[in-house]
C-alpha cells in the first residue's frame, strides 16, 4: 500500500485506526512531500514516519520547482487546470508525479537511510548500505523483505520538473599546480548511460594538492564511467596566468558503492 503524501490536518497525531499506518497492509511505503507544519506553513502532508518505508524527497517539505511565480505556474506547460492546482498545492501534488515517474525509471529515486535530511545533504549517509537502497514509488515493495527497523526514514533529491529522478555520486578532486587561486571547479561525468552536465565541486580558494569533495545529484544514471571532464575558472582576468590541473578525480556511485 503506497501513501502519496497522506493528509496532515485532522490526521496527524490521531490513533492508528484513523490514519494510514503500517498495520494497514503487509507492506506500507509512504512518500512525504508537503510535511511542513499546517500552521503557519500550510503543509498538507503528515510528518512522522508511519509506514515500513518512509521517503522524504528533498527533505519532505519544499519541493524544487514549486517556488515558481504564480503566473508562470498557472500558465504551466501542462495546461491552466494543472498549473492552477500546482500553484495551490504544488508540494502536496508532487507525490503522485514522483510515483508516476518511478514507473518509468525502475533504477531511479533511490532513498538513502539517514537520521535527517541535513546529514544526507552532507554525505554522511552515502553510499547505500550493503543490502542496497529501496526505490521510492512503484518499486519500493522490492525491498520489503530487507526492512530491518520499525521505521525507516529515507532521503533523496529530485529534479525541478519531469523527468524527476536524480542519481547521486560522490566526486573528489585533488588539484595540482603551483599557486593557490580563487575560483571554481566543475566536473562532468561521461559513461555508458550518457553524460551529465557540469556540476560544481568547489567555489572559493583553490589550493594545489588539496582534495575537494562534493555530492552531486546527476540527471542521468551514468552507468560505467568512461571519462570525466575537469574545468576550472578563476572568475576574473589574472595577469599571472595561473595554471591548475587535477592529479586525480575519484567518482563513487551511491547505488553500486
Foldseek 3Di string as FASTA:
>chain_A
DEAQQWFDPPPAPDDCVRGPAQVPDLFYEYEAQACDDCVPRNRGGHDDFGTLEYECEVQRHHAAQLPDDLVCQCCDPVHNVRSVVSVVPVRSVVSVVQQVLCVVPVPFQFWFFDPGVVCVQVVVRFAHPPVFTAHPHDRNCVCSVVRDDPYTYTYYYFDNDPPTTWWKKKKKWAKAFDAKAFWWKWKKWAAPWGIFDTDTQDGTIGDHRDMTMHMDTTPTDRPGTDDMDMDIDRPDDDVVPTDMDTPDMDMDTRGVD
